[in-house]
Amino acid sequence: MAPAPRGLFVTLEGIDGSGKSTQARRLAAALEAEGRAVTLTREPGGAPGAEEIRRLLVTGAPGRWSAETEILLFTAARRDHLERRLAPALAAGHIVICDRYVDSTRAYQGGDPARRALVDALHREAIGLDPDLTLLCDIAPEAAAARAAARAEGAGEDRFERKGLALQRALRARFLAMAEAEPARFRVVDAAAPEETVARRLRDALAPALDAAAPLR
């Protein structure tokens, strides 16, 4: 008997306002138009329990939670997401497109070595699923802030954006450092380009992994 298909797990990462949510939707739609089985999801969230935790994380005052508490909340949401959405979709052979995943927790909450070690330990013990490919939408924080300010969707979910440009600059540096450390997994795409151009570059970056792991139905 042939082994059950295992899908492809693709994450999109980037600072706030980088356009990754828009690009995740575009990428999923493009793949579906090609006849591929696709699951589009997001973090925090993506499953009922995880969406409840999301509301705790992305709304309220910027100092609502400590970084350590945020790490625990994100991990709890991710575990629910894993059990109810990610693992079943991958087991069914889907291409999973996820808007943020553990690299966001590493960047946002893992800003010092002790907290980064906590993120990695919890991920290893409670989650254990790594992306096959991570597409990093890279953009200058100043340009991203202008986009985020004009964005209508997600109103009220701006707790992290309100922490300011200094955080966004630090986040960009952390994401780029992760990409440099794991070049086999990351593809960095200039997200300051026009939306259509970014979409094309992301699809091109995905092509080698996609054709190898998730052929057309």
N, C-alpha and C. Protein backbone atom coordinates (compact mmCIF):
# COMPACT_ATOMS: atom_id res chain seq x y z
N MET A 1 0.84 -1.20 0.00
CA MET A 1 0.00 0.00 0.00
C MET A 1 0.88 1.25 0.00
N ALA A 2 0.55 2.21 -0.84
CA ALA A 2 1.34 3.45 -0.91
C ALA A 2 1.11 4.27 0.34
N PRO A 3 2.15 4.98 0.82
CA PRO A 3 1.98 5.80 2.01
C PRO A 3 0.99 6.94 1.73
N ALA A 4 0.31 7.37 2.79
CA ALA A 4 -0.62 8.49 2.66
C ALA A 4 0.13 9.74 2.25
N PRO A 5 -0.48 10.60 1.44
CA PRO A 5 0.21 11.81 1.02
C PRO A 5 0.47 12.73 2.20
N ARG A 6 1.58 13.42 2.15
CA ARG A 6 1.87 14.43 3.17
C ARG A 6 1.98 15.74 2.42
N GLY A 7 1.17 16.69 2.81
CA GLY A 7 1.14 17.95 2.10
C GLY A 7 2.39 18.78 2.30
N LEU A 8 2.28 20.03 1.96
CA LEU A 8 3.40 20.98 2.04
C LEU A 8 3.00 22.10 2.99
N PHE A 9 3.85 22.40 3.96
CA PHE A 9 3.54 23.41 4.96
C PHE A 9 4.36 24.66 4.67
N VAL A 10 3.67 25.72 4.26
CA VAL A 10 4.30 26.98 3.86
C VAL A 10 3.83 28.09 4.79
N THR A 11 4.76 28.82 5.36
CA THR A 11 4.40 29.95 6.22
C THR A 11 4.85 31.26 5.58
N LEU A 12 4.07 32.32 5.84
CA LEU A 12 4.45 33.67 5.43
C LEU A 12 4.72 34.48 6.69
N GLU A 13 5.85 35.16 6.69
CA GLU A 13 6.26 35.94 7.85
C GLU A 13 6.62 37.36 7.43
N GLY A 14 6.69 38.24 8.40
CA GLY A 14 7.08 39.62 8.13
C GLY A 14 6.58 40.53 9.23
N ILE A 15 7.08 41.75 9.24
CA ILE A 15 6.65 42.70 10.25
C ILE A 15 5.22 43.15 9.95
N ASP A 16 4.63 43.88 10.89
CA ASP A 16 3.28 44.39 10.71
C ASP A 16 3.25 45.35 9.53
N GLY A 17 2.26 45.18 8.66
CA GLY A 17 2.14 46.04 7.49
C GLY A 17 2.96 45.60 6.30
N SER A 18 3.54 44.42 6.36
CA SER A 18 4.38 43.93 5.26
C SER A 18 3.56 43.40 4.09
N GLY A 19 2.27 43.22 4.28
CA GLY A 19 1.41 42.72 3.21
C GLY A 19 1.29 41.21 3.16
N LYS A 20 1.84 40.52 4.14
CA LYS A 20 1.85 39.07 4.07
C LYS A 20 0.47 38.45 4.12
N SER A 21 -0.48 39.06 4.85
CA SER A 21 -1.84 38.49 4.90
C SER A 21 -2.50 38.57 3.53
N THR A 22 -2.36 39.70 2.87
CA THR A 22 -2.88 39.84 1.51
C THR A 22 -2.22 38.83 0.58
N GLN A 23 -0.92 38.70 0.70
CA GLN A 23 -0.19 37.78 -0.17
C GLN A 23 -0.52 36.33 0.13
N ALA A 24 -0.79 36.00 1.38
CA ALA A 24 -1.19 34.63 1.72
C ALA A 24 -2.50 34.29 1.02
N ARG A 25 -3.45 35.23 1.04
CA ARG A 25 -4.73 35.00 0.36
C ARG A 25 -4.53 34.87 -1.15
N ARG A 26 -3.71 35.72 -1.71
CA ARG A 26 -3.47 35.66 -3.15
C ARG A 26 -2.80 34.35 -3.54
N LEU A 27 -1.83 33.93 -2.75
CA LEU A 27 -1.11 32.70 -3.06
C LEU A 27 -2.05 31.50 -2.99
N ALA A 28 -2.87 31.44 -1.95
CA ALA A 28 -3.82 30.33 -1.82
C ALA A 28 -4.78 30.30 -3.00
N ALA A 29 -5.29 31.47 -3.40
CA ALA A 29 -6.22 31.53 -4.52
C ALA A 29 -5.56 31.09 -5.82
N ALA A 30 -4.30 31.50 -6.02
CA ALA A 30 -3.59 31.11 -7.24
C ALA A 30 -3.38 29.60 -7.29
N LEU A 31 -3.04 29.01 -6.16
CA LEU A 31 -2.81 27.56 -6.14
C LEU A 31 -4.11 26.80 -6.34
N GLU A 32 -5.19 27.29 -5.75
CA GLU A 32 -6.48 26.64 -5.96
C GLU A 32 -6.89 26.71 -7.43
N ALA A 33 -6.59 27.84 -8.07
CA ALA A 33 -6.92 28.00 -9.49
C ALA A 33 -6.14 27.02 -10.36
N GLU A 34 -4.99 26.57 -9.87
CA GLU A 34 -4.19 25.57 -10.59
C GLU A 34 -4.71 24.15 -10.35
N GLY A 35 -5.71 24.01 -9.49
CA GLY A 35 -6.27 22.69 -9.21
C GLY A 35 -5.64 21.99 -8.03
N ARG A 36 -4.99 22.74 -7.15
CA ARG A 36 -4.33 22.15 -5.99
C ARG A 36 -5.23 22.24 -4.76
N ALA A 37 -5.09 21.28 -3.87
CA ALA A 37 -5.83 21.29 -2.60
C ALA A 37 -5.08 22.19 -1.62
N VAL A 38 -5.74 23.23 -1.16
CA VAL A 38 -5.09 24.26 -0.35
C VAL A 38 -5.89 24.50 0.93
N THR A 39 -5.18 24.66 2.04
CA THR A 39 -5.77 25.14 3.28
C THR A 39 -5.09 26.45 3.64
N LEU A 40 -5.86 27.52 3.72
CA LEU A 40 -5.35 28.84 4.12
C LEU A 40 -5.73 29.07 5.57
N THR A 41 -4.74 29.43 6.37
CA THR A 41 -5.00 29.62 7.79
C THR A 41 -4.09 30.71 8.34
N ARG A 42 -4.19 30.97 9.65
CA ARG A 42 -3.41 32.07 10.23
C ARG A 42 -3.09 31.79 11.68
N GLU A 43 -2.13 32.53 12.19
CA GLU A 43 -1.81 32.51 13.62
C GLU A 43 -1.62 33.94 14.12
N PRO A 44 -1.94 34.18 15.40
CA PRO A 44 -2.68 33.24 16.24
C PRO A 44 -4.09 33.06 15.72
N GLY A 45 -4.60 31.86 15.87
CA GLY A 45 -5.94 31.56 15.37
C GLY A 45 -5.92 30.32 14.51
N GLY A 46 -6.86 30.25 13.58
CA GLY A 46 -6.92 29.14 12.65
C GLY A 46 -7.78 27.98 13.10
N ALA A 47 -8.20 27.97 14.36
CA ALA A 47 -9.10 26.96 14.91
C ALA A 47 -9.92 27.64 15.99
N PRO A 48 -11.09 27.11 16.34
CA PRO A 48 -11.98 27.83 17.27
C PRO A 48 -11.33 28.25 18.59
N GLY A 49 -10.69 27.32 19.26
CA GLY A 49 -10.04 27.68 20.52
C GLY A 49 -8.91 28.67 20.33
N ALA A 50 -8.14 28.47 19.27
CA ALA A 50 -7.03 29.37 18.99
C ALA A 50 -7.52 30.78 18.67
N GLU A 51 -8.68 30.89 18.01
CA GLU A 51 -9.23 32.21 17.72
C GLU A 51 -9.65 32.93 19.00
N GLU A 52 -10.11 32.20 19.99
CA GLU A 52 -10.44 32.81 21.27
C GLU A 52 -9.19 33.36 21.95
N ILE A 53 -8.11 32.61 21.87
CA ILE A 53 -6.84 33.09 22.45
C ILE A 53 -6.33 34.28 21.65
N ARG A 54 -6.55 34.28 20.34
CA ARG A 54 -6.12 35.40 19.50
C ARG A 54 -6.67 36.72 20.04
N ARG A 55 -7.94 36.72 20.41
CA ARG A 55 -8.55 37.96 20.88
C ARG A 55 -7.85 38.49 22.13
N LEU A 56 -7.35 37.60 22.94
CA LEU A 56 -6.60 38.02 24.13
C LEU A 56 -5.27 38.65 23.75
N LEU A 57 -4.67 38.17 22.66
CA LEU A 57 -3.32 38.58 22.30
C LEU A 57 -3.26 39.86 21.47
N VAL A 58 -4.21 40.05 20.58
CA VAL A 58 -4.06 41.14 19.60
C VAL A 58 -4.89 42.38 19.93
N THR A 59 -5.64 42.33 21.01
CA THR A 59 -6.42 43.51 21.41
C THR A 59 -5.98 43.96 22.80
N GLY A 60 -6.37 45.19 23.14
CA GLY A 60 -6.03 45.71 24.46
C GLY A 60 -4.79 46.56 24.46
N ALA A 61 -4.35 46.95 25.63
CA ALA A 61 -3.20 47.83 25.78
C ALA A 61 -1.91 47.12 25.39
N PRO A 62 -0.94 47.87 24.83
CA PRO A 62 0.32 47.24 24.44
C PRO A 62 1.00 46.47 25.57
N GLY A 63 0.89 46.93 26.80
CA GLY A 63 1.54 46.24 27.92
C GLY A 63 0.65 45.26 28.65
N ARG A 64 -0.38 44.80 27.98
CA ARG A 64 -1.36 43.92 28.62
C ARG A 64 -0.74 42.65 29.19
N TRP A 65 0.20 42.07 28.47
CA TRP A 65 0.83 40.81 28.88
C TRP A 65 2.35 40.97 28.90
N SER A 66 2.99 40.20 29.76
CA SER A 66 4.45 40.11 29.68
C SER A 66 4.82 39.23 28.49
N ALA A 67 6.08 39.33 28.05
CA ALA A 67 6.53 38.50 26.94
C ALA A 67 6.40 37.02 27.27
N GLU A 68 6.70 36.65 28.52
CA GLU A 68 6.61 35.24 28.91
C GLU A 68 5.17 34.73 28.84
N THR A 69 4.23 35.56 29.29
CA THR A 69 2.82 35.17 29.21
C THR A 69 2.39 35.05 27.75
N GLU A 70 2.83 35.97 26.91
CA GLU A 70 2.51 35.89 25.50
C GLU A 70 3.03 34.60 24.88
N ILE A 71 4.23 34.20 25.24
CA ILE A 71 4.80 32.96 24.71
C ILE A 71 3.90 31.77 25.05
N LEU A 72 3.43 31.72 26.28
CA LEU A 72 2.56 30.62 26.70
C LEU A 72 1.22 30.66 25.97
N LEU A 73 0.66 31.85 25.80
CA LEU A 73 -0.61 31.97 25.10
C LEU A 73 -0.47 31.59 23.62
N PHE A 74 0.59 32.07 22.98
CA PHE A 74 0.81 31.71 21.58
C PHE A 74 0.99 30.21 21.42
N THR A 75 1.71 29.58 22.34
CA THR A 75 1.94 28.14 22.24
C THR A 75 0.65 27.37 22.43
N ALA A 76 -0.19 27.82 23.37
CA ALA A 76 -1.48 27.16 23.58
C ALA A 76 -2.35 27.28 22.33
N ALA A 77 -2.39 28.49 21.74
CA ALA A 77 -3.15 28.67 20.50
C ALA A 77 -2.60 27.79 19.39
N ARG A 78 -1.28 27.71 19.30
CA ARG A 78 -0.65 26.92 18.23
C ARG A 78 -0.95 25.43 18.39
N ARG A 79 -0.99 24.95 19.63
CA ARG A 79 -1.30 23.54 19.85
C ARG A 79 -2.71 23.21 19.37
N ASP A 80 -3.68 24.08 19.69
CA ASP A 80 -5.04 23.86 19.22
C ASP A 80 -5.10 23.90 17.70
N HIS A 81 -4.40 24.85 17.12
CA HIS A 81 -4.33 24.98 15.66
C HIS A 81 -3.73 23.72 15.04
N LEU A 82 -2.67 23.22 15.63
CA LEU A 82 -2.01 22.01 15.13
C LEU A 82 -2.96 20.83 15.13
N GLU A 83 -3.63 20.62 16.25
CA GLU A 83 -4.50 19.45 16.38
C GLU A 83 -5.71 19.51 15.46
N ARG A 84 -6.30 20.69 15.34
CA ARG A 84 -7.60 20.80 14.68
C ARG A 84 -7.52 21.20 13.21
N ARG A 85 -6.40 21.81 12.80
CA ARG A 85 -6.35 22.32 11.42
C ARG A 85 -5.09 21.86 10.69
N LEU A 86 -3.92 22.14 11.24
CA LEU A 86 -2.69 21.89 10.50
C LEU A 86 -2.45 20.41 10.24
N ALA A 87 -2.44 19.60 11.30
CA ALA A 87 -2.14 18.18 11.13
C ALA A 87 -3.14 17.48 10.21
N PRO A 88 -4.46 17.70 10.38
CA PRO A 88 -5.40 17.05 9.46
C PRO A 88 -5.22 17.46 8.00
N ALA A 89 -4.97 18.75 7.77
CA ALA A 89 -4.81 19.22 6.38
C ALA A 89 -3.56 18.62 5.75
N LEU A 90 -2.47 18.58 6.48
CA LEU A 90 -1.24 18.00 5.94
C LEU A 90 -1.39 16.50 5.70
N ALA A 91 -2.08 15.82 6.62
CA ALA A 91 -2.31 14.39 6.45
C ALA A 91 -3.16 14.10 5.22
N ALA A 92 -4.02 15.04 4.85
CA ALA A 92 -4.86 14.88 3.67
C ALA A 92 -4.14 15.28 2.39
N GLY A 93 -2.87 15.70 2.50
CA GLY A 93 -2.09 16.05 1.33
C GLY A 93 -2.25 17.47 0.84
N HIS A 94 -2.81 18.35 1.67
CA HIS A 94 -3.02 19.73 1.27
C HIS A 94 -1.73 20.55 1.31
N ILE A 95 -1.72 21.60 0.52
CA ILE A 95 -0.73 22.67 0.69
C ILE A 95 -1.31 23.60 1.75
N VAL A 96 -0.63 23.73 2.85
CA VAL A 96 -1.10 24.60 3.93
C VAL A 96 -0.35 25.92 3.83
N ILE A 97 -1.08 27.01 3.66
CA ILE A 97 -0.53 28.36 3.64
C ILE A 97 -0.91 29.02 4.95
N CYS A 98 0.07 29.31 5.80
CA CYS A 98 -0.20 29.85 7.13
C CYS A 98 0.40 31.25 7.27
N ASP A 99 -0.46 32.21 7.59
CA ASP A 99 -0.08 33.60 7.83
C ASP A 99 0.42 33.70 9.27
N ARG A 100 1.72 33.69 9.43
CA ARG A 100 2.47 33.66 10.70
C ARG A 100 2.48 32.26 11.30
N TYR A 101 3.60 31.98 12.01
CA TYR A 101 3.75 30.72 12.73
C TYR A 101 4.81 30.96 13.80
N VAL A 102 5.55 29.95 14.15
CA VAL A 102 6.45 30.06 15.31
C VAL A 102 7.56 31.10 15.11
N ASP A 103 7.96 31.38 13.87
CA ASP A 103 9.00 32.39 13.67
C ASP A 103 8.54 33.76 14.15
N SER A 104 7.25 34.03 14.07
CA SER A 104 6.75 35.30 14.61
C SER A 104 6.91 35.33 16.13
N THR A 105 6.64 34.22 16.78
CA THR A 105 6.84 34.18 18.24
C THR A 105 8.31 34.35 18.57
N ARG A 106 9.18 33.73 17.79
CA ARG A 106 10.61 33.91 18.01
C ARG A 106 11.02 35.37 17.85
N ALA A 107 10.45 36.05 16.85
CA ALA A 107 10.82 37.44 16.59
C ALA A 107 10.21 38.39 17.61
N TYR A 108 8.93 38.25 17.88
CA TYR A 108 8.22 39.20 18.74
C TYR A 108 8.52 38.99 20.22
N GLN A 109 8.43 37.74 20.67
CA GLN A 109 8.60 37.49 22.10
C GLN A 109 9.99 36.97 22.46
N GLY A 110 10.73 36.44 21.49
CA GLY A 110 12.03 35.84 21.78
C GLY A 110 13.18 36.80 21.56
N GLY A 111 13.01 38.03 22.00
CA GLY A 111 14.01 39.06 21.73
C GLY A 111 15.27 38.97 22.55
N ASP A 112 15.27 38.17 23.62
CA ASP A 112 16.51 37.96 24.35
C ASP A 112 16.77 36.45 24.42
N PRO A 113 17.99 36.03 24.71
CA PRO A 113 18.32 34.60 24.63
C PRO A 113 17.46 33.70 25.51
N ALA A 114 17.12 34.16 26.72
CA ALA A 114 16.33 33.32 27.62
C ALA A 114 14.93 33.09 27.07
N ARG A 115 14.31 34.16 26.57
CA ARG A 115 12.95 34.00 26.03
C ARG A 115 12.97 33.22 24.72
N ARG A 116 13.99 33.42 23.90
CA ARG A 116 14.10 32.64 22.68
C ARG A 116 14.25 31.15 23.01
N ALA A 117 15.02 30.83 24.04
CA ALA A 117 15.18 29.44 24.44
C ALA A 117 13.84 28.85 24.91
N LEU A 118 13.04 29.67 25.60
CA LEU A 118 11.73 29.21 26.04
C LEU A 118 10.82 28.93 24.85
N VAL A 119 10.80 29.85 23.87
CA VAL A 119 9.99 29.63 22.66
C VAL A 119 10.39 28.33 21.99
N ASP A 120 11.69 28.13 21.80
CA ASP A 120 12.16 26.94 21.09
C ASP A 120 11.87 25.66 21.86
N ALA A 121 12.01 25.71 23.20
CA ALA A 121 11.75 24.51 24.00
C ALA A 121 10.27 24.14 23.95
N LEU A 122 9.38 25.12 24.08
CA LEU A 122 7.95 24.85 24.02
C LEU A 122 7.54 24.36 22.63
N HIS A 123 8.14 24.95 21.60
CA HIS A 123 7.83 24.49 20.24
C HIS A 123 8.26 23.04 20.05
N ARG A 124 9.43 22.73 20.53
CA ARG A 124 9.95 21.37 20.38
C ARG A 124 9.08 20.35 21.13
N GLU A 125 8.67 20.68 22.35
CA GLU A 125 7.96 19.72 23.18
C GLU A 125 6.46 19.69 22.93
N ALA A 126 5.85 20.84 22.62
CA ALA A 126 4.39 20.90 22.52
C ALA A 126 3.88 20.94 21.09
N ILE A 127 4.72 21.32 20.13
CA ILE A 127 4.26 21.48 18.75
C ILE A 127 4.96 20.47 17.83
N GLY A 128 6.25 20.63 17.63
CA GLY A 128 7.01 19.64 16.87
C GLY A 128 6.85 19.66 15.37
N LEU A 129 6.12 20.63 14.84
CA LEU A 129 5.92 20.73 13.38
C LEU A 129 6.60 21.99 12.88
N ASP A 130 7.55 21.82 11.97
CA ASP A 130 8.26 22.96 11.38
C ASP A 130 7.79 23.16 9.95
N PRO A 131 7.82 24.40 9.46
CA PRO A 131 7.43 24.64 8.06
C PRO A 131 8.42 23.98 7.09
N ASP A 132 7.90 23.58 5.95
CA ASP A 132 8.77 23.12 4.87
C ASP A 132 9.44 24.30 4.18
N LEU A 133 8.73 25.42 4.13
CA LEU A 133 9.23 26.62 3.46
C LEU A 133 8.64 27.84 4.15
N THR A 134 9.45 28.86 4.36
CA THR A 134 8.99 30.11 4.94
C THR A 134 9.30 31.25 3.98
N LEU A 135 8.27 31.98 3.60
CA LEU A 135 8.39 33.12 2.70
C LEU A 135 8.36 34.39 3.55
N LEU A 136 9.48 35.10 3.57
CA LEU A 136 9.60 36.30 4.40
C LEU A 136 9.35 37.54 3.55
N CYS A 137 8.28 38.25 3.85
CA CYS A 137 7.94 39.49 3.15
C CYS A 137 8.69 40.62 3.84
N ASP A 138 9.74 41.08 3.22
CA ASP A 138 10.63 42.06 3.84
C ASP A 138 10.32 43.47 3.35
N ILE A 139 10.23 44.41 4.29
CA ILE A 139 9.91 45.79 3.96
C ILE A 139 10.46 46.69 5.07
N ALA A 140 10.80 47.92 4.73
CA ALA A 140 11.26 48.88 5.73
C ALA A 140 10.12 49.19 6.69
N PRO A 141 10.38 49.29 7.97
CA PRO A 141 9.31 49.55 8.95
C PRO A 141 8.54 50.83 8.68
N GLU A 142 9.20 51.86 8.17
CA GLU A 142 8.50 53.12 7.90
C GLU A 142 7.43 52.93 6.82
N ALA A 143 7.77 52.19 5.77
CA ALA A 143 6.80 51.91 4.71
C ALA A 143 5.68 51.00 5.21
N ALA A 144 6.04 50.03 6.03
CA ALA A 144 5.03 49.13 6.58
C ALA A 144 4.07 49.86 7.50
N ALA A 145 4.58 50.82 8.27
CA ALA A 145 3.72 51.57 9.19
C ALA A 145 2.68 52.38 8.43
N ALA A 146 3.06 52.93 7.30
CA ALA A 146 2.11 53.68 6.49
C ALA A 146 1.02 52.77 5.97
N ARG A 147 1.39 51.57 5.57
CA ARG A 147 0.38 50.61 5.10
C ARG A 147 -0.55 50.22 6.23
N ALA A 148 0.02 49.91 7.39
CA ALA A 148 -0.78 49.45 8.52
C ALA A 148 -1.76 50.53 8.97
N ALA A 149 -1.34 51.79 8.93
CA ALA A 149 -2.21 52.89 9.35
C ALA A 149 -3.41 53.04 8.44
N ALA A 150 -3.24 52.70 7.16
CA ALA A 150 -4.32 52.86 6.18
C ALA A 150 -5.20 51.62 6.08
N ARG A 151 -4.83 50.55 6.77
CA ARG A 151 -5.54 49.28 6.63
C ARG A 151 -6.86 49.32 7.38
N ALA A 152 -7.93 48.93 6.71
CA ALA A 152 -9.25 48.95 7.35
C ALA A 152 -9.53 47.65 8.08
N GLU A 153 -9.08 46.52 7.50
CA GLU A 153 -9.41 45.23 8.09
C GLU A 153 -8.61 45.04 9.38
N GLY A 154 -9.16 44.21 10.24
CA GLY A 154 -8.48 43.92 11.49
C GLY A 154 -8.52 45.07 12.46
N ALA A 155 -9.51 45.98 12.31
CA ALA A 155 -9.60 47.14 13.20
C ALA A 155 -9.66 46.68 14.64
N GLY A 156 -8.86 47.31 15.47
CA GLY A 156 -8.79 46.94 16.88
C GLY A 156 -7.75 45.90 17.18
N GLU A 157 -7.25 45.18 16.14
CA GLU A 157 -6.23 44.16 16.35
C GLU A 157 -4.85 44.76 16.10
N ASP A 158 -4.56 45.85 16.78
CA ASP A 158 -3.32 46.59 16.51
C ASP A 158 -2.44 46.72 17.74
N ARG A 159 -2.60 45.79 18.66
CA ARG A 159 -1.85 45.89 19.91
C ARG A 159 -0.35 45.92 19.67
N PHE A 160 0.15 45.10 18.76
CA PHE A 160 1.59 45.05 18.51
C PHE A 160 2.06 46.24 17.68
N GLU A 161 1.25 46.67 16.72
CA GLU A 161 1.62 47.85 15.93
C GLU A 161 1.81 49.07 16.82
N ARG A 162 0.97 49.17 17.88
CA ARG A 162 1.03 50.34 18.75
C ARG A 162 2.27 50.36 19.66
N LYS A 163 3.07 49.32 19.58
CA LYS A 163 4.33 49.33 20.34
C LYS A 163 5.40 50.17 19.65
N GLY A 164 5.16 50.59 18.41
CA GLY A 164 6.01 51.60 17.79
C GLY A 164 7.03 51.08 16.80
N LEU A 165 7.66 52.06 16.10
CA LEU A 165 8.62 51.75 15.04
C LEU A 165 9.88 51.07 15.56
N ALA A 166 10.28 51.40 16.76
CA ALA A 166 11.50 50.78 17.29
C ALA A 166 11.35 49.26 17.35
N LEU A 167 10.18 48.80 17.77
CA LEU A 167 9.94 47.36 17.80
C LEU A 167 9.95 46.80 16.39
N GLN A 168 9.32 47.49 15.44
CA GLN A 168 9.27 46.98 14.07
C GLN A 168 10.67 46.88 13.46
N ARG A 169 11.52 47.84 13.78
CA ARG A 169 12.91 47.75 13.29
C ARG A 169 13.62 46.55 13.88
N ALA A 170 13.40 46.31 15.17
CA ALA A 170 14.01 45.14 15.81
C ALA A 170 13.47 43.85 15.23
N LEU A 171 12.17 43.83 14.97
CA LEU A 171 11.55 42.63 14.39
C LEU A 171 12.12 42.32 13.01
N ARG A 172 12.26 43.36 12.19
CA ARG A 172 12.81 43.13 10.85
C ARG A 172 14.20 42.53 10.95
N ALA A 173 15.02 43.06 11.84
CA ALA A 173 16.37 42.53 12.01
C ALA A 173 16.34 41.07 12.46
N ARG A 174 15.42 40.74 13.35
CA ARG A 174 15.33 39.36 13.84
C ARG A 174 14.87 38.41 12.74
N PHE A 175 13.88 38.82 11.96
CA PHE A 175 13.43 37.97 10.85
C PHE A 175 14.56 37.74 9.85
N LEU A 176 15.28 38.80 9.50
CA LEU A 176 16.37 38.65 8.53
C LEU A 176 17.48 37.77 9.09
N ALA A 177 17.73 37.86 10.40
CA ALA A 177 18.74 37.00 11.02
C ALA A 177 18.32 35.53 10.96
N MET A 178 17.05 35.27 11.17
CA MET A 178 16.56 33.89 11.06
C MET A 178 16.70 33.37 9.63
N ALA A 179 16.38 34.24 8.67
CA ALA A 179 16.51 33.83 7.27
C ALA A 179 17.96 33.52 6.92
N GLU A 180 18.88 34.32 7.44
CA GLU A 180 20.30 34.07 7.17
C GLU A 180 20.76 32.78 7.82
N ALA A 181 20.21 32.47 9.00
CA ALA A 181 20.61 31.26 9.72
C ALA A 181 20.03 29.99 9.10
N GLU A 182 18.90 30.10 8.39
CA GLU A 182 18.26 28.92 7.80
C GLU A 182 17.96 29.17 6.32
N PRO A 183 18.97 29.30 5.50
CA PRO A 183 18.72 29.62 4.09
C PRO A 183 17.99 28.53 3.33
N ALA A 184 18.05 27.29 3.79
CA ALA A 184 17.35 26.22 3.09
C ALA A 184 15.84 26.32 3.26
N ARG A 185 15.40 26.93 4.35
CA ARG A 185 13.96 27.04 4.63
C ARG A 185 13.39 28.38 4.20
N PHE A 186 14.11 29.45 4.34
CA PHE A 186 13.60 30.79 4.10
C PHE A 186 13.84 31.24 2.66
N ARG A 187 12.88 32.00 2.15
CA ARG A 187 13.05 32.78 0.93
C ARG A 187 12.63 34.21 1.26
N VAL A 188 13.50 35.17 1.04
CA VAL A 188 13.22 36.57 1.36
C VAL A 188 12.76 37.26 0.09
N VAL A 189 11.61 37.92 0.16
CA VAL A 189 11.02 38.61 -0.98
C VAL A 189 10.82 40.08 -0.62
N ASP A 190 11.19 40.97 -1.53
CA ASP A 190 11.01 42.40 -1.32
C ASP A 190 9.52 42.73 -1.36
N ALA A 191 8.95 43.04 -0.20
CA ALA A 191 7.52 43.30 -0.10
C ALA A 191 7.16 44.75 -0.37
N ALA A 192 8.16 45.60 -0.65
CA ALA A 192 7.88 46.99 -0.98
C ALA A 192 7.50 47.16 -2.44
N ALA A 193 7.69 46.13 -3.24
CA ALA A 193 7.34 46.16 -4.66
C ALA A 193 5.82 46.18 -4.81
N PRO A 194 5.32 46.51 -6.01
CA PRO A 194 3.87 46.46 -6.24
C PRO A 194 3.29 45.08 -5.90
N GLU A 195 2.03 45.07 -5.49
CA GLU A 195 1.39 43.84 -5.02
C GLU A 195 1.48 42.71 -6.02
N GLU A 196 1.24 42.99 -7.29
CA GLU A 196 1.30 41.95 -8.32
C GLU A 196 2.71 41.38 -8.44
N THR A 197 3.71 42.24 -8.33
CA THR A 197 5.09 41.80 -8.43
C THR A 197 5.46 40.90 -7.26
N VAL A 198 5.04 41.31 -6.06
CA VAL A 198 5.31 40.49 -4.87
C VAL A 198 4.64 39.12 -5.01
N ALA A 199 3.40 39.11 -5.48
CA ALA A 199 2.67 37.85 -5.65
C ALA A 199 3.42 36.92 -6.61
N ARG A 200 3.91 37.47 -7.70
CA ARG A 200 4.64 36.65 -8.68
C ARG A 200 5.94 36.11 -8.07
N ARG A 201 6.64 36.95 -7.32
CA ARG A 201 7.89 36.51 -6.72
C ARG A 201 7.66 35.41 -5.68
N LEU A 202 6.60 35.54 -4.92
CA LEU A 202 6.30 34.52 -3.93
C LEU A 202 5.95 33.20 -4.60
N ARG A 203 5.16 33.26 -5.66
CA ARG A 203 4.81 32.02 -6.36
C ARG A 203 6.05 31.38 -6.97
N ASP A 204 6.95 32.19 -7.51
CA ASP A 204 8.19 31.66 -8.07
C ASP A 204 9.06 31.02 -6.98
N ALA A 205 9.10 31.66 -5.81
CA ALA A 205 9.92 31.13 -4.72
C ALA A 205 9.38 29.79 -4.22
N LEU A 206 8.06 29.64 -4.31
CA LEU A 206 7.43 28.40 -3.86
C LEU A 206 7.58 27.26 -4.86
N ALA A 207 7.74 27.57 -6.12
CA ALA A 207 7.65 26.58 -7.18
C ALA A 207 8.50 25.32 -6.98
N PRO A 208 9.80 25.43 -6.65
CA PRO A 208 10.59 24.19 -6.54
C PRO A 208 10.06 23.24 -5.47
N ALA A 209 9.73 23.76 -4.30
CA ALA A 209 9.22 22.89 -3.23
C ALA A 209 7.85 22.35 -3.58
N LEU A 210 7.04 23.16 -4.20
CA LEU A 210 5.68 22.77 -4.55
C LEU A 210 5.67 21.64 -5.57
N ASP A 211 6.44 21.77 -6.61
CA ASP A 211 6.45 20.78 -7.67
C ASP A 211 6.99 19.44 -7.18
N ALA A 212 7.88 19.48 -6.19
CA ALA A 212 8.45 18.25 -5.67
C ALA A 212 7.51 17.54 -4.69
N ALA A 213 6.80 18.35 -3.86
CA ALA A 213 6.06 17.75 -2.76
C ALA A 213 4.56 17.66 -2.96
N ALA A 214 4.01 18.54 -3.81
CA ALA A 214 2.56 18.59 -3.93
C ALA A 214 2.13 18.73 -5.39
N PRO A 215 2.22 17.64 -6.17
CA PRO A 215 1.84 17.73 -7.59
C PRO A 215 0.36 18.01 -7.75
N LEU A 216 -0.01 18.41 -8.95
CA LEU A 216 -1.42 18.69 -9.24
C LEU A 216 -2.27 17.44 -9.00
N ARG A 217 -3.50 17.68 -8.58
CA ARG A 217 -4.41 16.56 -8.35
C ARG A 217 -4.78 15.90 -9.67
